[in-house]
Amino acid sequence: MPQEGWEFFILDPADKNKYPHEKTQSIYNKMYTSAYNKLIEDLCIPNPNELLQCDKDCTFLYFISCEAENDVIKLDENYEYNFLKSVFLEKKGGVIKKCIHMYYNSHNIYVKSMYKDGFNYYIELEKKNGWCNKLTQGPLC
């Protein structure tokens, strides 16, 4: 219900039909974790080496739109509160960067930068021929 620029969400903790065995805070924590995991899953391209196949060094710019409805993380479950990509990227940006660095490094792809421009975020991925991650593949790569 909007009131002077504020929007309030009222959850009924006594609603036994919707959540019979869970408390409101534990449901929120579960949905928060699901939204965070969904965002990380969306940021990690499956089989990124197939996308970055090139003879020379190449760069790929991953675009994440956070405008209006694109900002909402769509969960499989119906929940009253919408979690936003932009809020996670602003509040947990360091942890998210670390996660995507680890994921792409395991595929020998370097995360050159991650930045915001207006309502949008960009992740710059770089693949260099002959470059390998010595942490995951050892000193002989």
Protein backbone atom coordinates (compact mmCIF):
# COMPACT_ATOMS: atom_id res chain seq x y z
CA MET A 1 0.00 0.00 0.00
CA PRO A 2 1.67 3.28 -1.12
CA GLN A 3 1.68 6.17 1.32
CA GLU A 4 3.63 9.41 0.73
CA GLY A 5 6.27 7.72 -1.43
CA TRP A 6 6.64 4.70 0.86
CA GLU A 7 5.39 1.26 0.00
CA PHE A 8 4.59 -1.12 2.83
CA PHE A 9 4.24 -4.89 2.58
CA ILE A 10 2.16 -6.54 5.25
CA LEU A 11 2.77 -10.23 5.81
CA ASP A 12 0.37 -12.11 7.97
CA PRO A 13 2.42 -14.41 10.22
CA ALA A 14 -0.76 -16.07 11.44
CA ASP A 15 -1.78 -17.21 7.95
CA LYS A 16 -1.62 -20.98 8.49
CA ASN A 17 -2.97 -21.80 5.03
CA LYS A 18 -0.06 -20.27 3.15
CA TYR A 19 2.88 -21.27 5.34
CA PRO A 20 1.68 -23.80 7.92
CA HIS A 21 5.01 -24.69 9.59
CA GLU A 22 7.26 -21.68 8.98
CA LYS A 23 7.64 -18.30 10.60
CA THR A 24 7.73 -15.11 8.54
CA GLN A 25 11.45 -14.43 9.16
CA SER A 26 12.54 -17.93 8.16
CA ILE A 27 10.42 -17.69 4.98
CA TYR A 28 12.04 -14.33 4.15
CA ASN A 29 15.53 -15.75 4.75
CA LYS A 30 14.77 -18.74 2.53
CA MET A 31 13.45 -16.53 -0.29
CA TYR A 32 16.38 -14.09 0.10
CA THR A 33 18.83 -16.97 -0.29
CA SER A 34 16.90 -18.31 -3.29
CA ALA A 35 16.94 -14.88 -4.95
CA TYR A 36 20.68 -14.43 -4.32
CA ASN A 37 21.46 -17.90 -5.72
CA LYS A 38 19.26 -17.23 -8.77
CA LEU A 39 21.14 -13.99 -9.45
CA ILE A 40 24.53 -15.72 -9.19
CA GLU A 41 23.26 -18.50 -11.46
CA ASP A 42 22.11 -15.90 -14.03
CA LEU A 43 25.48 -14.11 -13.94
CA CYS A 44 27.44 -17.31 -14.60
CA ILE A 45 27.08 -18.22 -18.27
CA PRO A 46 26.92 -22.01 -18.73
CA ASN A 47 29.85 -23.23 -20.86
CA PRO A 48 31.32 -19.73 -21.38
CA ASN A 49 34.16 -21.10 -23.52
CA GLU A 50 31.63 -21.90 -26.25
CA LEU A 51 30.65 -18.23 -26.31
CA LEU A 52 34.22 -16.95 -26.29
CA GLN A 53 35.68 -19.06 -29.09
CA CYS A 54 38.12 -16.89 -30.99
CA ASP A 55 41.51 -17.20 -32.67
CA LYS A 56 42.91 -14.09 -31.04
CA ASP A 57 42.28 -12.47 -27.67
CA CYS A 58 38.64 -11.47 -27.31
CA THR A 59 36.41 -9.51 -24.97
CA PHE A 60 32.76 -10.04 -24.16
CA LEU A 61 30.55 -7.46 -22.46
CA TYR A 62 27.80 -9.03 -20.34
CA PHE A 63 24.88 -6.59 -20.02
CA ILE A 64 22.53 -6.73 -17.01
CA SER A 65 19.46 -4.50 -17.24
CA CYS A 66 18.08 -3.26 -13.91
CA GLU A 67 15.37 -0.98 -15.28
CA ALA A 68 11.81 -1.40 -13.99
CA GLU A 69 10.59 -5.01 -14.35
CA ASN A 70 14.03 -6.23 -15.52
CA ASP A 71 15.33 -5.48 -12.03
CA VAL A 72 13.09 -8.06 -10.37
CA ILE A 73 14.60 -11.50 -9.74
CA LYS A 74 12.00 -13.99 -10.89
CA LEU A 75 11.69 -16.88 -8.47
CA ASP A 76 9.83 -20.13 -9.09
CA GLU A 77 7.81 -19.66 -5.92
CA ASN A 78 5.15 -17.01 -5.37
CA TYR A 79 6.24 -14.52 -2.69
CA GLU A 80 4.79 -11.12 -1.77
CA TYR A 81 8.12 -9.27 -1.78
CA ASN A 82 10.20 -8.74 -4.94
CA PHE A 83 13.97 -9.03 -4.62
CA LEU A 84 15.91 -6.69 -6.92
CA LYS A 85 19.13 -7.34 -8.85
CA SER A 86 20.28 -3.77 -8.33
CA VAL A 87 19.99 -4.03 -4.53
CA PHE A 88 22.03 -7.26 -4.44
CA LEU A 89 24.65 -5.80 -6.82
CA GLU A 90 24.98 -2.65 -4.70
CA LYS A 91 24.86 -4.23 -1.24
CA LYS A 92 26.70 -7.50 -1.93
CA GLY A 93 28.79 -6.38 -4.90
CA GLY A 94 32.11 -7.54 -3.42
CA VAL A 95 30.86 -11.04 -2.67
CA ILE A 96 29.19 -11.30 -6.08
CA LYS A 97 32.40 -10.19 -7.83
CA LYS A 98 34.35 -12.82 -5.93
CA CYS A 99 31.87 -15.54 -6.94
CA ILE A 100 31.91 -14.66 -10.62
CA HIS A 101 35.71 -14.28 -10.62
CA MET A 102 36.04 -17.80 -9.23
CA TYR A 103 33.55 -19.21 -11.74
CA TYR A 104 35.05 -17.60 -14.85
CA ASN A 105 38.66 -18.21 -13.73
CA SER A 106 37.87 -21.92 -13.63
CA HIS A 107 37.09 -21.59 -17.37
CA ASN A 108 40.30 -19.58 -18.06
CA ILE A 109 38.31 -16.41 -18.59
CA TYR A 110 39.42 -13.24 -16.86
CA VAL A 111 36.80 -10.87 -15.37
CA LYS A 112 38.35 -7.59 -16.41
CA SER A 113 35.81 -5.31 -14.72
CA MET A 114 32.30 -4.99 -13.37
CA TYR A 115 30.68 -1.57 -13.41
CA LYS A 116 27.39 0.34 -13.31
CA ASP A 117 26.10 2.83 -15.87
CA GLY A 118 22.75 4.36 -14.95
CA PHE A 119 20.35 1.51 -14.23
CA ASN A 120 22.52 -1.07 -15.98
CA TYR A 121 25.47 -3.19 -14.93
CA TYR A 122 28.22 -4.56 -17.15
CA ILE A 123 30.66 -7.42 -16.65
CA GLU A 124 33.64 -7.34 -18.99
CA LEU A 125 35.00 -10.83 -19.67
CA GLU A 126 38.30 -11.35 -21.45
CA LYS A 127 39.81 -14.48 -22.92
CA LYS A 128 43.44 -14.44 -23.99
CA ASN A 129 44.86 -17.26 -26.03
CA GLY A 130 47.68 -18.90 -24.14
CA TRP A 131 46.50 -17.57 -20.78
CA CYS A 132 45.56 -20.08 -18.16
CA ASN A 133 44.73 -20.02 -14.50
CA LYS A 134 47.66 -21.56 -12.63
CA LEU A 135 45.58 -21.84 -9.46
CA THR A 136 43.13 -24.29 -11.04
CA GLN A 137 45.34 -25.99 -13.61
CA GLY A 138 48.71 -26.02 -11.92
CA PRO A 139 52.11 -24.61 -12.94
CA LEU A 140 52.36 -26.66 -16.16
CA CYS A 141 49.50 -24.97 -18.03
